[in-house]
Protein backbone atom coordinates (compact mmCIF):
# COMPACT_ATOMS: atom_id res chain seq x y z
CA MET A 1 -23.97 -56.16 -67.78
CA ASN A 2 -23.17 -54.87 -64.33
CA ASN A 3 -20.26 -52.45 -63.91
CA LEU A 4 -18.09 -54.83 -61.91
CA LYS A 5 -18.26 -57.56 -64.52
CA ALA A 6 -17.86 -55.09 -67.37
CA ILE A 7 -14.72 -53.54 -65.96
CA GLY A 8 -13.32 -56.94 -65.01
CA ALA A 9 -13.77 -58.17 -68.56
CA LEU A 10 -12.41 -54.96 -70.00
CA LEU A 11 -9.23 -55.23 -67.97
CA ILE A 12 -8.80 -58.91 -68.88
CA LEU A 13 -9.79 -60.05 -65.40
CA ALA A 14 -6.81 -58.49 -63.66
CA VAL A 15 -5.87 -55.55 -61.48
CA GLY A 16 -2.32 -54.89 -60.43
CA PHE A 17 0.66 -52.76 -61.33
CA VAL A 18 -0.29 -49.37 -62.77
CA SER A 19 1.97 -48.03 -65.52
CA CYS A 20 1.45 -44.36 -66.28
CA ASP A 21 2.86 -40.99 -65.38
CA SER A 22 0.37 -38.53 -63.89
CA ASP A 23 0.43 -35.06 -62.43
CA ASP A 24 -1.84 -32.08 -61.67
CA PHE A 25 -3.91 -34.07 -59.19
CA ASP A 26 -3.50 -31.54 -56.34
CA ASN A 27 -1.73 -34.26 -54.31
CA THR A 28 -5.16 -35.86 -53.73
CA PRO A 29 -4.70 -39.64 -53.70
CA GLU A 30 -8.46 -40.21 -53.83
CA LYS A 31 -8.62 -38.85 -57.38
CA GLN A 32 -6.74 -41.08 -59.81
CA ALA A 33 -6.63 -41.74 -63.54
CA ILE A 34 -4.69 -44.16 -65.72
CA ALA A 35 -3.81 -43.95 -69.41
CA ASP A 36 -2.92 -46.80 -71.73
CA VAL A 37 -1.77 -46.71 -75.33
CA PHE A 38 -1.03 -49.94 -77.17
CA VAL A 39 -0.78 -51.31 -80.68
CA ARG A 40 -3.30 -53.68 -82.24
CA VAL A 41 -1.80 -56.07 -84.79
CA GLN A 42 -3.80 -58.20 -87.19
CA LYS A 43 -3.69 -59.75 -90.64
CA SER A 44 -5.22 -58.01 -93.65
CA GLY A 45 -4.89 -60.24 -96.68
CA ASP A 46 -1.21 -61.03 -96.93
CA ASP A 47 -0.20 -57.92 -94.95
CA THR A 48 0.42 -57.36 -91.26
CA VAL A 49 -1.24 -54.11 -90.23
CA TYR A 50 -1.01 -51.91 -87.13
CA ALA A 51 -3.25 -49.38 -85.38
CA PRO A 52 -3.16 -47.57 -82.02
CA VAL A 53 -5.64 -48.17 -79.20
CA PHE A 54 -6.21 -45.65 -76.39
CA TYR A 55 -7.88 -46.08 -72.99
CA THR A 56 -8.30 -43.81 -69.98
CA TYR A 57 -9.63 -45.13 -66.66
CA SER A 58 -10.48 -42.99 -63.63
CA ASN A 59 -12.26 -43.13 -60.30
CA PHE A 60 -14.15 -39.91 -61.09
CA ASP A 61 -16.55 -38.84 -63.84
CA MET A 62 -14.83 -37.51 -66.94
CA GLN A 63 -16.40 -35.21 -69.51
CA ASP A 64 -13.77 -35.10 -72.26
CA VAL A 65 -10.50 -36.92 -72.95
CA SER A 66 -8.08 -36.26 -75.78
CA VAL A 67 -4.71 -37.77 -76.64
CA GLU A 68 -1.72 -36.33 -78.44
CA GLY A 69 1.12 -38.55 -79.60
CA PRO A 70 4.77 -37.83 -80.32
CA ASP A 71 5.28 -35.34 -83.14
CA ALA A 72 6.21 -38.06 -85.63
CA SER A 73 3.00 -39.97 -84.90
CA GLY A 74 0.65 -37.27 -86.17
CA ILE A 75 -1.91 -38.44 -83.59
CA ASP A 76 -4.28 -35.93 -82.02
CA LYS A 77 -7.72 -37.31 -81.31
CA ASP A 78 -10.63 -37.44 -78.90
CA LEU A 79 -11.64 -40.48 -76.87
CA ALA A 80 -15.28 -41.48 -76.36
CA LYS A 81 -17.11 -42.70 -73.27
CA TYR A 82 -17.21 -46.49 -73.07
CA THR A 83 -18.94 -48.33 -70.21
CA ASN A 84 -19.49 -45.21 -68.10
CA LYS A 85 -17.97 -41.77 -67.53
CA MET A 86 -14.98 -43.36 -65.77
CA VAL A 87 -13.80 -45.23 -68.90
CA PHE A 88 -13.01 -43.47 -72.17
CA ARG A 89 -11.41 -45.08 -75.22
CA SER A 90 -10.60 -44.77 -78.90
CA MET A 91 -10.69 -47.99 -80.92
CA PRO A 92 -9.30 -48.35 -84.44
CA VAL A 93 -11.53 -48.52 -87.48
CA GLN A 94 -10.48 -49.99 -90.81
CA ASN A 95 -8.93 -46.77 -92.12
CA ASP A 96 -6.71 -46.49 -89.02
CA PHE A 97 -4.76 -49.63 -89.89
CA SER A 98 -1.53 -49.36 -91.83
CA THR A 99 1.40 -51.52 -92.79
CA ASP A 100 3.49 -48.82 -91.06
CA ASP A 101 4.01 -49.43 -87.35
CA VAL A 102 2.72 -47.02 -84.71
CA GLU A 103 5.22 -44.47 -83.42
CA ASN A 104 6.79 -45.29 -80.06
CA GLY A 105 7.13 -42.62 -77.38
CA VAL A 106 5.11 -40.68 -74.82
CA TYR A 107 1.41 -40.11 -75.45
CA GLN A 108 -0.24 -37.31 -73.46
CA PHE A 109 -3.86 -37.60 -72.33
CA ASP A 110 -5.73 -34.41 -71.38
CA ILE A 111 -8.79 -34.96 -69.19
CA THR A 112 -11.64 -32.59 -68.42
CA ALA A 113 -13.58 -33.91 -65.43
CA ALA A 114 -17.32 -33.53 -64.98
CA ASP A 115 -16.59 -30.71 -62.51
CA LEU A 116 -14.52 -29.03 -65.30
CA LYS A 117 -11.20 -29.49 -63.54
CA THR A 118 -8.45 -30.54 -65.93
CA TYR A 119 -5.73 -33.16 -65.56
CA THR A 120 -2.87 -34.48 -67.65
CA ILE A 121 -1.56 -38.05 -67.59
CA SER A 122 0.65 -39.99 -69.97
CA ASP A 123 1.71 -43.44 -71.07
CA LYS A 124 4.76 -44.50 -73.03
CA LEU A 125 4.47 -46.84 -76.00
CA LEU A 126 7.50 -49.13 -76.01
CA GLU A 127 9.19 -51.25 -78.64
CA GLY A 128 8.01 -54.82 -79.05
CA ARG A 129 5.29 -56.04 -81.41
CA LEU A 130 3.61 -59.41 -81.79
CA ASP A 131 2.94 -61.34 -84.97
CA PRO A 132 -0.72 -61.63 -85.97
CA VAL A 133 -2.74 -64.41 -84.36
CA GLU A 134 -3.51 -67.21 -86.82
CA ILE A 135 -6.50 -69.42 -85.99
CA THR A 136 -5.94 -73.02 -87.09
CA GLU A 137 -9.13 -74.67 -85.81
CA PHE A 138 -12.60 -73.29 -85.24
CA ASN A 139 -15.56 -75.60 -84.62
CA TYR A 140 -18.86 -74.21 -83.38
CA ASP A 141 -21.66 -76.43 -82.09
CA LYS A 142 -24.75 -74.27 -82.46
CA LEU A 143 -26.97 -76.73 -80.58
CA ILE A 144 -25.12 -76.35 -77.27
CA HIS A 145 -23.29 -73.10 -78.14
CA SER A 146 -19.79 -74.46 -77.58
CA ILE A 147 -16.67 -73.55 -79.52
CA GLN A 148 -13.45 -75.49 -79.94
CA ILE A 149 -10.72 -73.16 -81.08
CA ALA A 150 -6.96 -73.41 -81.64
CA TRP A 151 -4.28 -71.09 -82.96
CA GLU A 152 -0.61 -70.91 -83.83
CA SER A 153 1.77 -70.00 -81.01
CA VAL A 154 2.63 -66.28 -81.01
CA GLU A 155 6.28 -65.69 -80.16
CA ASP A 156 7.03 -63.43 -77.19
CA ARG A 157 3.41 -63.10 -76.07
CA ASP A 158 2.65 -62.99 -72.34
CA VAL A 159 -0.91 -64.37 -72.34
CA TYR A 160 -3.84 -65.30 -74.57
CA VAL A 161 -7.48 -64.40 -73.99
CA VAL A 162 -10.59 -65.45 -75.93
CA LYS A 163 -13.52 -63.04 -76.00
CA ILE A 164 -16.95 -62.93 -77.61
CA HIS A 165 -18.49 -59.56 -78.52
CA ASN A 166 -21.77 -58.48 -80.07
CA GLN A 167 -19.55 -56.77 -82.68
CA ILE A 168 -15.85 -56.03 -83.01
CA ASP A 169 -14.91 -53.97 -79.93
CA GLY A 170 -18.54 -54.03 -78.86
CA GLU A 171 -20.09 -55.23 -75.62
CA ILE A 172 -18.31 -58.19 -74.07
CA ILE A 173 -20.37 -61.36 -73.84
CA TYR A 174 -17.69 -63.85 -72.84
CA VAL A 175 -14.08 -63.52 -71.68
CA SER A 176 -11.83 -66.44 -70.85
CA ASP A 177 -9.27 -66.64 -68.11
CA ARG A 178 -5.73 -65.79 -69.15
CA MET A 179 -4.03 -68.69 -70.91
CA ILE A 180 -0.64 -69.80 -72.15
CA SER A 181 -2.04 -72.77 -74.09
CA THR A 182 -2.90 -72.39 -77.80
CA ASN A 183 -6.34 -73.94 -77.66
CA HIS A 184 -9.53 -73.29 -75.77
CA ARG A 185 -13.08 -74.56 -75.49
CA VAL A 186 -15.88 -72.08 -74.89
CA ILE A 187 -18.71 -73.69 -72.93
CA SER A 188 -22.07 -72.01 -72.41
CA GLY A 189 -23.16 -71.35 -68.83
CA THR A 190 -19.78 -70.86 -67.14
CA ASP A 191 -18.84 -67.89 -64.96
CA ASN A 192 -16.92 -66.40 -67.90
CA TRP A 193 -20.18 -65.25 -69.51
CA THR A 194 -21.74 -61.87 -68.77
CA ASP A 195 -25.47 -61.29 -68.47
CA PHE A 196 -25.76 -60.01 -72.05
CA ASP A 197 -29.06 -61.09 -73.67
CA LEU A 198 -28.11 -63.35 -76.58
CA VAL A 199 -30.57 -63.57 -79.47
CA GLU A 200 -31.15 -66.67 -81.56
CA GLY A 201 -30.07 -66.13 -85.15
CA GLN A 202 -27.93 -63.10 -84.24
CA SER A 203 -24.26 -62.99 -85.28
CA TYR A 204 -21.50 -62.53 -82.70
CA VAL A 205 -17.74 -62.05 -83.01
CA VAL A 206 -15.21 -64.42 -81.41
CA GLY A 207 -11.73 -62.97 -80.94
CA VAL A 208 -8.48 -64.72 -80.03
CA TYR A 209 -6.17 -62.14 -78.44
CA ALA A 210 -2.46 -62.37 -77.68
CA TYR A 211 -1.08 -59.74 -75.29
CA LYS A 212 2.38 -58.30 -74.74
CA PHE A 213 2.63 -56.20 -71.58
CA GLU A 214 5.03 -53.35 -70.88
CA LEU A 215 6.90 -55.53 -68.38
CA PRO A 216 6.56 -59.31 -67.97
CA SER A 217 6.08 -58.77 -64.23
CA ALA A 218 3.53 -56.00 -64.74
CA THR A 219 0.52 -57.73 -66.23
CA SER A 220 -2.44 -55.70 -65.09
CA GLY A 221 -5.17 -54.74 -67.52
CA TYR A 222 -3.70 -51.23 -67.79
CA ASP A 223 -0.16 -51.92 -69.01
CA ILE A 224 -0.66 -53.46 -72.44
CA ASN A 225 1.97 -52.63 -75.06
CA CYS A 226 0.73 -54.79 -77.94
CA GLU A 227 -2.43 -56.75 -78.73
CA SER A 228 -2.62 -59.23 -81.60
CA VAL A 229 -6.04 -60.54 -82.64
CA ALA A 230 -7.90 -62.71 -85.13
CA TYR A 231 -11.67 -62.96 -85.43
CA ARG A 232 -14.33 -65.48 -86.38
CA GLU A 233 -18.10 -65.00 -86.54
CA ILE A 234 -20.81 -67.27 -85.14
CA GLU A 235 -24.60 -67.29 -85.40
CA TRP A 236 -26.29 -67.94 -82.09
């Protein structure tokens, strides 16, 4: 997957308003970084569970990124390189999910650049959570690799996006346009597919995502406040 398509998919096909507080950049506008913390919501059995997600984007190579949350959050962790040295992230694993919500407040991201200069940026997690996405219809035609999918409306969401990954939070294979409808058909061969090499008989993960942004008018890929998701698996 080329970098342009990868970043476009990662940011949900949008670039716009940047929501973060940054300093220590020597008043050099050419060097910029953005932090985003948001909550992932999903269903686990009969429970609604929550976990934090962290991203840092920059226009320079980073070596290390760590995040520290508000005192009550107990969060102090390292992010890992994602698509390249300009995107670091920390995605939740099963043990990170809890029926307790994630603590709101300011999360501080400490960056060590490849040239060993250090920077500090932050993002504020706001109130406002979404209910879990509930898929109501999922029909996969393996012969032509099309999917018809529908889901219950999620109150207070801003947009929906459907993605296909090689595994949960893995490489993006397909990403839809933003939607407000509660159904979607995935059709093979459209521009929404990346150049990932799909393998016959291999399993892939389809995710239906609902997004709540920090401000309704600020819907870039950087300013997510809450992400609700449900998954299904297909065999190519």
